[in-house]
């Protein structure tokens, strides 16, 4: 089970492929069950809702920015379901917060190289809302642990950009880490995996990617 909540051929897909390649190379024939993703798992959504609520209760004039790692647009055009799954995660979390006036947006970070990446970019959204005097509240939506792209990129680099553009208040919601509902997500996906049995090897969540996402392992499973 990858610690990537949303499936991408570039992340979960490459990890699963490497596992298969290493097993084949070493003649390791142990049966493997794969849980490919869990973007709308109820416990995963609850974990995010609770962590966000801790940070935004009593806040005024804030912009809630869900930030996910970006991908080149060409990956999505080739049928990668990542962006769609991230959108489903955010949709469910926003619904769970039950705030009709919630000011939120989904954006993408870590853009590198000359290729066109999916957007909008987190950096641009931070600059725009800092200039508007908004309290910036960042949610890492595609990361479940703290690492360089949360502790450095979000907490240091983007905060400096926010400050330079007039931001007075900058809050970052933590990655789920050891959140009890996130631990429940993982344990129940494993324990109850037969509920999601696809072909005896793949155990996808109860979310169905549209058929145009050919990189989804449930549509193109080898």
C-alpha atoms as a PDB file:
ATOM      1  CA  UNK A   1       0.000   0.000   0.000  1.00  0.00           C
ATOM      2  CA  UNK A   2       1.752   3.175  -1.138  1.00  0.00           C
ATOM      3  CA  UNK A   3       1.837   6.198   1.126  1.00  0.00           C
ATOM      4  CA  UNK A   4       0.546   8.202  -1.824  1.00  0.00           C
ATOM      5  CA  UNK A   5      -3.204   8.701  -1.247  1.00  0.00           C
ATOM      6  CA  UNK A   6      -3.800   9.595  -4.910  1.00  0.00           C
ATOM      7  CA  UNK A   7      -2.512   7.324  -7.661  1.00  0.00           C
ATOM      8  CA  UNK A   8      -0.049   8.481 -10.288  1.00  0.00           C
ATOM      9  CA  UNK A   9       1.905   6.332 -12.685  1.00  0.00           C
ATOM     10  CA  UNK A  10       4.932   8.445 -11.710  1.00  0.00           C
ATOM     11  CA  UNK A  11       4.675   7.672  -7.987  1.00  0.00           C
ATOM     12  CA  UNK A  12       2.603   4.684  -6.872  1.00  0.00           C
ATOM     13  CA  UNK A  13       2.799   3.175 -10.340  1.00  0.00           C
ATOM     14  CA  UNK A  14       6.594   3.286 -10.487  1.00  0.00           C
ATOM     15  CA  UNK A  15       6.895   1.897  -6.942  1.00  0.00           C
ATOM     16  CA  UNK A  16       4.567  -1.000  -7.699  1.00  0.00           C
ATOM     17  CA  UNK A  17       6.416  -1.692 -10.962  1.00  0.00           C
ATOM     18  CA  UNK A  18       9.763  -1.705  -9.180  1.00  0.00           C
ATOM     19  CA  UNK A  19       8.427  -4.217  -6.646  1.00  0.00           C
ATOM     20  CA  UNK A  20       7.328  -6.505  -9.469  1.00  0.00           C
ATOM     21  CA  UNK A  21      10.646  -6.092 -11.319  1.00  0.00           C
ATOM     22  CA  UNK A  22      12.722  -6.866  -8.228  1.00  0.00           C
ATOM     23  CA  UNK A  23      10.583  -9.927  -7.456  1.00  0.00           C
ATOM     24  CA  UNK A  24      10.966 -11.195 -11.008  1.00  0.00           C
ATOM     25  CA  UNK A  25      14.717 -10.591 -11.039  1.00  0.00           C
ATOM     26  CA  UNK A  26      15.166 -12.500  -7.778  1.00  0.00           C
ATOM     27  CA  UNK A  27      12.623 -15.254  -8.519  1.00  0.00           C
ATOM     28  CA  UNK A  28      10.561 -14.155  -5.537  1.00  0.00           C
ATOM     29  CA  UNK A  29       7.079 -15.578  -6.011  1.00  0.00           C
ATOM     30  CA  UNK A  30       5.245 -14.421  -2.882  1.00  0.00           C
ATOM     31  CA  UNK A  31       1.608 -13.502  -3.501  1.00  0.00           C
ATOM     32  CA  UNK A  32       1.180  -9.737  -3.423  1.00  0.00           C
ATOM     33  CA  UNK A  33      -2.010  -7.762  -2.848  1.00  0.00           C
ATOM     34  CA  UNK A  34      -1.890  -4.119  -3.948  1.00  0.00           C
ATOM     35  CA  UNK A  35      -4.030  -1.290  -2.576  1.00  0.00           C
ATOM     36  CA  UNK A  36      -3.366   1.323  -5.239  1.00  0.00           C
ATOM     37  CA  UNK A  37      -4.872   4.476  -3.693  1.00  0.00           C
ATOM     38  CA  UNK A  38      -7.447   5.855  -1.240  1.00  0.00           C
ATOM     39  CA  UNK A  39      -8.308   9.438  -2.242  1.00  0.00           C
ATOM     40  CA  UNK A  40     -11.822   9.480  -0.788  1.00  0.00           C
ATOM     41  CA  UNK A  41     -11.550   6.958   2.036  1.00  0.00           C
ATOM     42  CA  UNK A  42     -13.854   8.157   4.807  1.00  0.00           C
ATOM     43  CA  UNK A  43     -11.182   7.961   7.521  1.00  0.00           C
ATOM     44  CA  UNK A  44      -8.647   9.733   5.308  1.00  0.00           C
ATOM     45  CA  UNK A  45     -11.139  12.556   4.749  1.00  0.00           C
ATOM     46  CA  UNK A  46     -11.973  12.735   8.463  1.00  0.00           C
ATOM     47  CA  UNK A  47      -8.282  12.947   9.355  1.00  0.00           C
ATOM     48  CA  UNK A  48      -7.826  15.972   7.097  1.00  0.00           C
ATOM     49  CA  UNK A  49     -11.044  17.583   8.299  1.00  0.00           C
ATOM     50  CA  UNK A  50      -9.950  17.356  11.924  1.00  0.00           C
ATOM     51  CA  UNK A  51      -6.438  18.690  11.300  1.00  0.00           C
ATOM     52  CA  UNK A  52      -7.805  21.609   9.271  1.00  0.00           C
ATOM     53  CA  UNK A  53     -10.476  22.415  11.840  1.00  0.00           C
ATOM     54  CA  UNK A  54      -7.837  22.698  14.567  1.00  0.00           C
ATOM     55  CA  UNK A  55      -6.131  25.445  12.565  1.00  0.00           C
ATOM     56  CA  UNK A  56      -9.028  27.463  11.131  1.00  0.00           C
ATOM     57  CA  UNK A  57     -11.406  27.636  14.091  1.00  0.00           C
ATOM     58  CA  UNK A  58     -11.874  31.329  14.978  1.00  0.00           C
ATOM     59  CA  UNK A  59      -9.728  32.525  12.057  1.00  0.00           C
ATOM     60  CA  UNK A  60     -10.943  35.521  10.052  1.00  0.00           C
ATOM     61  CA  UNK A  61     -10.167  36.527   6.470  1.00  0.00           C
ATOM     62  CA  UNK A  62      -8.178  33.415   5.570  1.00  0.00           C
ATOM     63  CA  UNK A  63      -7.497  31.556   2.334  1.00  0.00           C
ATOM     64  CA  UNK A  64      -7.418  27.770   2.649  1.00  0.00           C
ATOM     65  CA  UNK A  65      -4.923  26.478   0.066  1.00  0.00           C
ATOM     66  CA  UNK A  66      -4.800  22.739  -0.620  1.00  0.00           C
ATOM     67  CA  UNK A  67      -1.351  22.106  -2.084  1.00  0.00           C
ATOM     68  CA  UNK A  68      -0.451  18.932  -3.966  1.00  0.00           C
ATOM     69  CA  UNK A  69       2.741  17.979  -5.754  1.00  0.00           C
ATOM     70  CA  UNK A  70       2.452  18.939  -9.404  1.00  0.00           C
ATOM     71  CA  UNK A  71       2.862  16.889 -12.573  1.00  0.00           C
ATOM     72  CA  UNK A  72       3.628  17.890 -16.161  1.00  0.00           C
ATOM     73  CA  UNK A  73       0.420  18.420 -18.142  1.00  0.00           C
ATOM     74  CA  UNK A  74       1.535  15.796 -20.646  1.00  0.00           C
ATOM     75  CA  UNK A  75       1.234  13.110 -17.960  1.00  0.00           C
ATOM     76  CA  UNK A  76      -2.408  13.974 -17.376  1.00  0.00           C
ATOM     77  CA  UNK A  77      -3.120  14.107 -21.116  1.00  0.00           C
ATOM     78  CA  UNK A  78      -1.720  10.584 -21.401  1.00  0.00           C
ATOM     79  CA  UNK A  79      -4.357   9.348 -18.959  1.00  0.00           C
ATOM     80  CA  UNK A  80      -2.813   9.720 -15.497  1.00  0.00           C
ATOM     81  CA  UNK A  81      -5.654   9.910 -12.907  1.00  0.00           C
ATOM     82  CA  UNK A  82      -3.629  11.840 -10.306  1.00  0.00           C
ATOM     83  CA  UNK A  83      -5.132  15.296 -10.778  1.00  0.00           C
ATOM     84  CA  UNK A  84      -8.669  13.939 -10.893  1.00  0.00           C
ATOM     85  CA  UNK A  85      -8.111  11.926  -7.706  1.00  0.00           C
ATOM     86  CA  UNK A  86      -6.617  14.946  -5.896  1.00  0.00           C
ATOM     87  CA  UNK A  87      -9.692  16.928  -6.881  1.00  0.00           C
ATOM     88  CA  UNK A  88     -11.938  14.205  -5.458  1.00  0.00           C
ATOM     89  CA  UNK A  89     -10.014  14.291  -2.157  1.00  0.00           C
ATOM     90  CA  UNK A  90     -10.363  18.057  -1.846  1.00  0.00           C
ATOM     91  CA  UNK A  91     -14.042  17.981  -2.825  1.00  0.00           C
ATOM     92  CA  UNK A  92     -14.810  15.485  -0.051  1.00  0.00           C
ATOM     93  CA  UNK A  93     -12.790  17.387   2.549  1.00  0.00           C
ATOM     94  CA  UNK A  94     -14.461  20.700   1.720  1.00  0.00           C
ATOM     95  CA  UNK A  95     -17.876  19.043   1.950  1.00  0.00           C
ATOM     96  CA  UNK A  96     -16.961  17.576   5.336  1.00  0.00           C
ATOM     97  CA  UNK A  97     -16.031  21.026   6.704  1.00  0.00           C
ATOM     98  CA  UNK A  98     -19.660  22.118   6.162  1.00  0.00           C
ATOM     99  CA  UNK A  99     -18.871  25.793   5.579  1.00  0.00           C
ATOM    100  CA  UNK A 100     -20.709  27.295   2.605  1.00  0.00           C
ATOM    101  CA  UNK A 101     -18.589  30.453   2.777  1.00  0.00           C
ATOM    102  CA  UNK A 102     -15.242  28.675   2.941  1.00  0.00           C
ATOM    103  CA  UNK A 103     -12.644  30.478   0.816  1.00  0.00           C
ATOM    104  CA  UNK A 104     -10.490  27.683  -0.598  1.00  0.00           C
ATOM    105  CA  UNK A 105      -8.513  26.633  -3.664  1.00  0.00           C
ATOM    106  CA  UNK A 106      -6.499  23.654  -4.909  1.00  0.00           C
ATOM    107  CA  UNK A 107      -3.024  24.364  -6.256  1.00  0.00           C
ATOM    108  CA  UNK A 108       0.165  22.512  -7.149  1.00  0.00           C
ATOM    109  CA  UNK A 109       3.732  22.911  -5.885  1.00  0.00           C
ATOM    110  CA  UNK A 110       7.272  21.773  -6.769  1.00  0.00           C
ATOM    111  CA  UNK A 111       7.167  22.768 -10.432  1.00  0.00           C
ATOM    112  CA  UNK A 112      10.555  22.312 -12.157  1.00  0.00           C
ATOM    113  CA  UNK A 113      11.926  22.298 -15.693  1.00  0.00           C
ATOM    114  CA  UNK A 114      10.670  23.772 -18.965  1.00  0.00           C
ATOM    115  CA  UNK A 115       7.540  21.633 -19.397  1.00  0.00           C
ATOM    116  CA  UNK A 116       4.077  23.041 -18.730  1.00  0.00           C
ATOM    117  CA  UNK A 117       2.770  21.756 -15.403  1.00  0.00           C
ATOM    118  CA  UNK A 118      -0.747  21.486 -14.056  1.00  0.00           C
ATOM    119  CA  UNK A 119      -1.887  24.511 -12.096  1.00  0.00           C
ATOM    120  CA  UNK A 120      -2.528  26.900 -10.623  1.00  0.00           C
ATOM    121  CA  UNK A 121       0.813  26.986  -8.842  1.00  0.00           C
ATOM    122  CA  UNK A 122       0.851  27.190  -5.058  1.00  0.00           C
ATOM    123  CA  UNK A 123       3.469  29.927  -5.219  1.00  0.00           C
ATOM    124  CA  UNK A 124       1.262  32.125  -7.429  1.00  0.00           C
ATOM    125  CA  UNK A 125      -1.772  31.594  -5.194  1.00  0.00           C
ATOM    126  CA  UNK A 126       0.241  32.504  -2.092  1.00  0.00           C
ATOM    127  CA  UNK A 127       1.517  35.696  -3.715  1.00  0.00           C
ATOM    128  CA  UNK A 128      -1.954  36.710  -4.895  1.00  0.00           C
ATOM    129  CA  UNK A 129      -3.619  36.176  -1.517  1.00  0.00           C
ATOM    130  CA  UNK A 130      -0.749  37.671   0.466  1.00  0.00           C
ATOM    131  CA  UNK A 131      -1.199  40.894  -1.497  1.00  0.00           C
ATOM    132  CA  UNK A 132      -4.910  40.788  -0.616  1.00  0.00           C
ATOM    133  CA  UNK A 133      -4.055  40.631   3.085  1.00  0.00           C
ATOM    134  CA  UNK A 134      -5.366  37.107   3.555  1.00  0.00           C
ATOM    135  CA  UNK A 135      -4.279  34.816   6.378  1.00  0.00           C
ATOM    136  CA  UNK A 136      -2.625  31.972   4.417  1.00  0.00           C
ATOM    137  CA  UNK A 137      -3.559  28.451   5.569  1.00  0.00           C
ATOM    138  CA  UNK A 138      -1.774  25.658   3.671  1.00  0.00           C
ATOM    139  CA  UNK A 139      -2.874  22.016   3.577  1.00  0.00           C
ATOM    140  CA  UNK A 140      -0.503  19.367   2.123  1.00  0.00           C
ATOM    141  CA  UNK A 141      -3.123  17.193   0.445  1.00  0.00           C
ATOM    142  CA  UNK A 142      -0.953  14.667  -1.414  1.00  0.00           C
ATOM    143  CA  UNK A 143       1.696  14.132   1.280  1.00  0.00           C
ATOM    144  CA  UNK A 144       0.999  12.102   4.424  1.00  0.00           C
ATOM    145  CA  UNK A 145       4.379  12.607   6.120  1.00  0.00           C
ATOM    146  CA  UNK A 146       6.633  15.570   6.820  1.00  0.00           C
ATOM    147  CA  UNK A 147       9.650  15.877   4.525  1.00  0.00           C
ATOM    148  CA  UNK A 148      11.506  18.433   2.411  1.00  0.00           C
ATOM    149  CA  UNK A 149       8.467  19.503   0.419  1.00  0.00           C
ATOM    150  CA  UNK A 150       6.525  20.355   3.572  1.00  0.00           C
ATOM    151  CA  UNK A 151       9.223  21.331   6.084  1.00  0.00           C
ATOM    152  CA  UNK A 152      11.330  23.288   3.598  1.00  0.00           C
ATOM    153  CA  UNK A 153       9.209  24.223   0.591  1.00  0.00           C
ATOM    154  CA  UNK A 154       5.958  25.031   2.423  1.00  0.00           C
ATOM    155  CA  UNK A 155       7.282  26.095   5.833  1.00  0.00           C
ATOM    156  CA  UNK A 156      10.362  28.078   4.799  1.00  0.00           C
ATOM    157  CA  UNK A 157      10.511  28.960   1.103  1.00  0.00           C
ATOM    158  CA  UNK A 158       6.837  29.709   0.527  1.00  0.00           C
ATOM    159  CA  UNK A 159       6.539  31.509   3.857  1.00  0.00           C
ATOM    160  CA  UNK A 160       9.358  33.836   2.804  1.00  0.00           C
ATOM    161  CA  UNK A 161       7.527  34.523  -0.455  1.00  0.00           C
ATOM    162  CA  UNK A 162       4.314  35.219   1.474  1.00  0.00           C
ATOM    163  CA  UNK A 163       6.069  37.634   3.827  1.00  0.00           C
ATOM    164  CA  UNK A 164       7.689  39.500   0.928  1.00  0.00           C
ATOM    165  CA  UNK A 165       4.241  40.025  -0.565  1.00  0.00           C
ATOM    166  CA  UNK A 166       2.598  41.414   2.560  1.00  0.00           C
ATOM    167  CA  UNK A 167       1.374  38.328   4.387  1.00  0.00           C
ATOM    168  CA  UNK A 168       1.040  38.921   8.134  1.00  0.00           C
ATOM    169  CA  UNK A 169      -0.308  35.507   9.130  1.00  0.00           C
ATOM    170  CA  UNK A 170       0.857  32.179   7.709  1.00  0.00           C
ATOM    171  CA  UNK A 171      -0.365  28.819   8.990  1.00  0.00           C
ATOM    172  CA  UNK A 172       0.449  25.351   7.783  1.00  0.00           C
ATOM    173  CA  UNK A 173      -1.777  22.375   8.587  1.00  0.00           C
ATOM    174  CA  UNK A 174       0.447  19.373   9.416  1.00  0.00           C
ATOM    175  CA  UNK A 175       0.731  16.266   7.282  1.00  0.00           C
ATOM    176  CA  UNK A 176      -1.397  13.453   8.671  1.00  0.00           C
ATOM    177  CA  UNK A 177       1.526  11.464  10.085  1.00  0.00           C
ATOM    178  CA  UNK A 178       0.268   9.535  13.097  1.00  0.00           C
ATOM    179  CA  UNK A 179      -3.226  11.050  13.096  1.00  0.00           C
ATOM    180  CA  UNK A 180      -5.435   8.304  14.532  1.00  0.00           C
ATOM    181  CA  UNK A 181      -7.944   8.507  11.692  1.00  0.00           C
ATOM    182  CA  UNK A 182      -5.176   8.191   9.120  1.00  0.00           C
ATOM    183  CA  UNK A 183      -3.802   5.119  10.922  1.00  0.00           C
ATOM    184  CA  UNK A 184      -7.360   3.781  10.834  1.00  0.00           C
ATOM    185  CA  UNK A 185      -7.414   4.452   7.092  1.00  0.00           C
ATOM    186  CA  UNK A 186      -4.414   2.216   6.519  1.00  0.00           C
ATOM    187  CA  UNK A 187      -5.434  -0.539   8.909  1.00  0.00           C
ATOM    188  CA  UNK A 188      -8.996  -0.830   7.597  1.00  0.00           C
ATOM    189  CA  UNK A 189      -7.922  -0.760   3.953  1.00  0.00           C
ATOM    190  CA  UNK A 190      -5.706  -3.748   4.711  1.00  0.00           C
ATOM    191  CA  UNK A 191      -8.035  -5.641   7.044  1.00  0.00           C
ATOM    192  CA  UNK A 192     -11.117  -5.116   4.871  1.00  0.00           C
ATOM    193  CA  UNK A 193      -9.346  -5.367   1.517  1.00  0.00           C
ATOM    194  CA  UNK A 194     -11.619  -8.148   0.229  1.00  0.00           C
ATOM    195  CA  UNK A 195     -14.420  -5.581   0.002  1.00  0.00           C
ATOM    196  CA  UNK A 196     -12.415  -3.976  -2.808  1.00  0.00           C
ATOM    197  CA  UNK A 197     -11.200  -7.141  -4.540  1.00  0.00           C
ATOM    198  CA  UNK A 198     -10.708  -6.388  -8.230  1.00  0.00           C
ATOM    199  CA  UNK A 199      -8.873  -9.371  -9.630  1.00  0.00           C
ATOM    200  CA  UNK A 200      -7.321 -11.173  -6.674  1.00  0.00           C
ATOM    201  CA  UNK A 201      -4.199  -9.002  -6.890  1.00  0.00           C
ATOM    202  CA  UNK A 202      -5.483  -5.436  -7.027  1.00  0.00           C
ATOM    203  CA  UNK A 203      -7.661  -4.031  -4.248  1.00  0.00           C
ATOM    204  CA  UNK A 204      -8.690  -0.520  -5.308  1.00  0.00           C
ATOM    205  CA  UNK A 205     -10.813   1.840  -3.216  1.00  0.00           C
ATOM    206  CA  UNK A 206     -14.520   2.390  -3.705  1.00  0.00           C
ATOM    207  CA  UNK A 207     -13.837   5.180  -6.177  1.00  0.00           C
ATOM    208  CA  UNK A 208     -13.905   4.503  -9.892  1.00  0.00           C
ATOM    209  CA  UNK A 209     -11.669   6.520 -12.179  1.00  0.00           C
ATOM    210  CA  UNK A 210     -13.377   7.582 -15.417  1.00  0.00           C
ATOM    211  CA  UNK A 211     -12.430   5.386 -18.366  1.00  0.00           C
ATOM    212  CA  UNK A 212     -10.362   8.088 -20.063  1.00  0.00           C
ATOM    213  CA  UNK A 213      -7.690   7.706 -17.371  1.00  0.00           C
ATOM    214  CA  UNK A 214      -5.849   4.882 -19.077  1.00  0.00           C
ATOM    215  CA  UNK A 215      -2.996   4.947 -16.566  1.00  0.00           C
ATOM    216  CA  UNK A 216      -5.327   3.848 -13.767  1.00  0.00           C
ATOM    217  CA  UNK A 217      -4.294   0.279 -12.863  1.00  0.00           C
ATOM    218  CA  UNK A 218      -7.963  -0.757 -12.629  1.00  0.00           C
ATOM    219  CA  UNK A 219      -8.441   0.173 -16.279  1.00  0.00           C
ATOM    220  CA  UNK A 220      -5.035  -0.847 -17.617  1.00  0.00           C
ATOM    221  CA  UNK A 221      -3.890  -3.612 -15.296  1.00  0.00           C
ATOM    222  CA  UNK A 222      -1.087  -5.898 -16.399  1.00  0.00           C
END
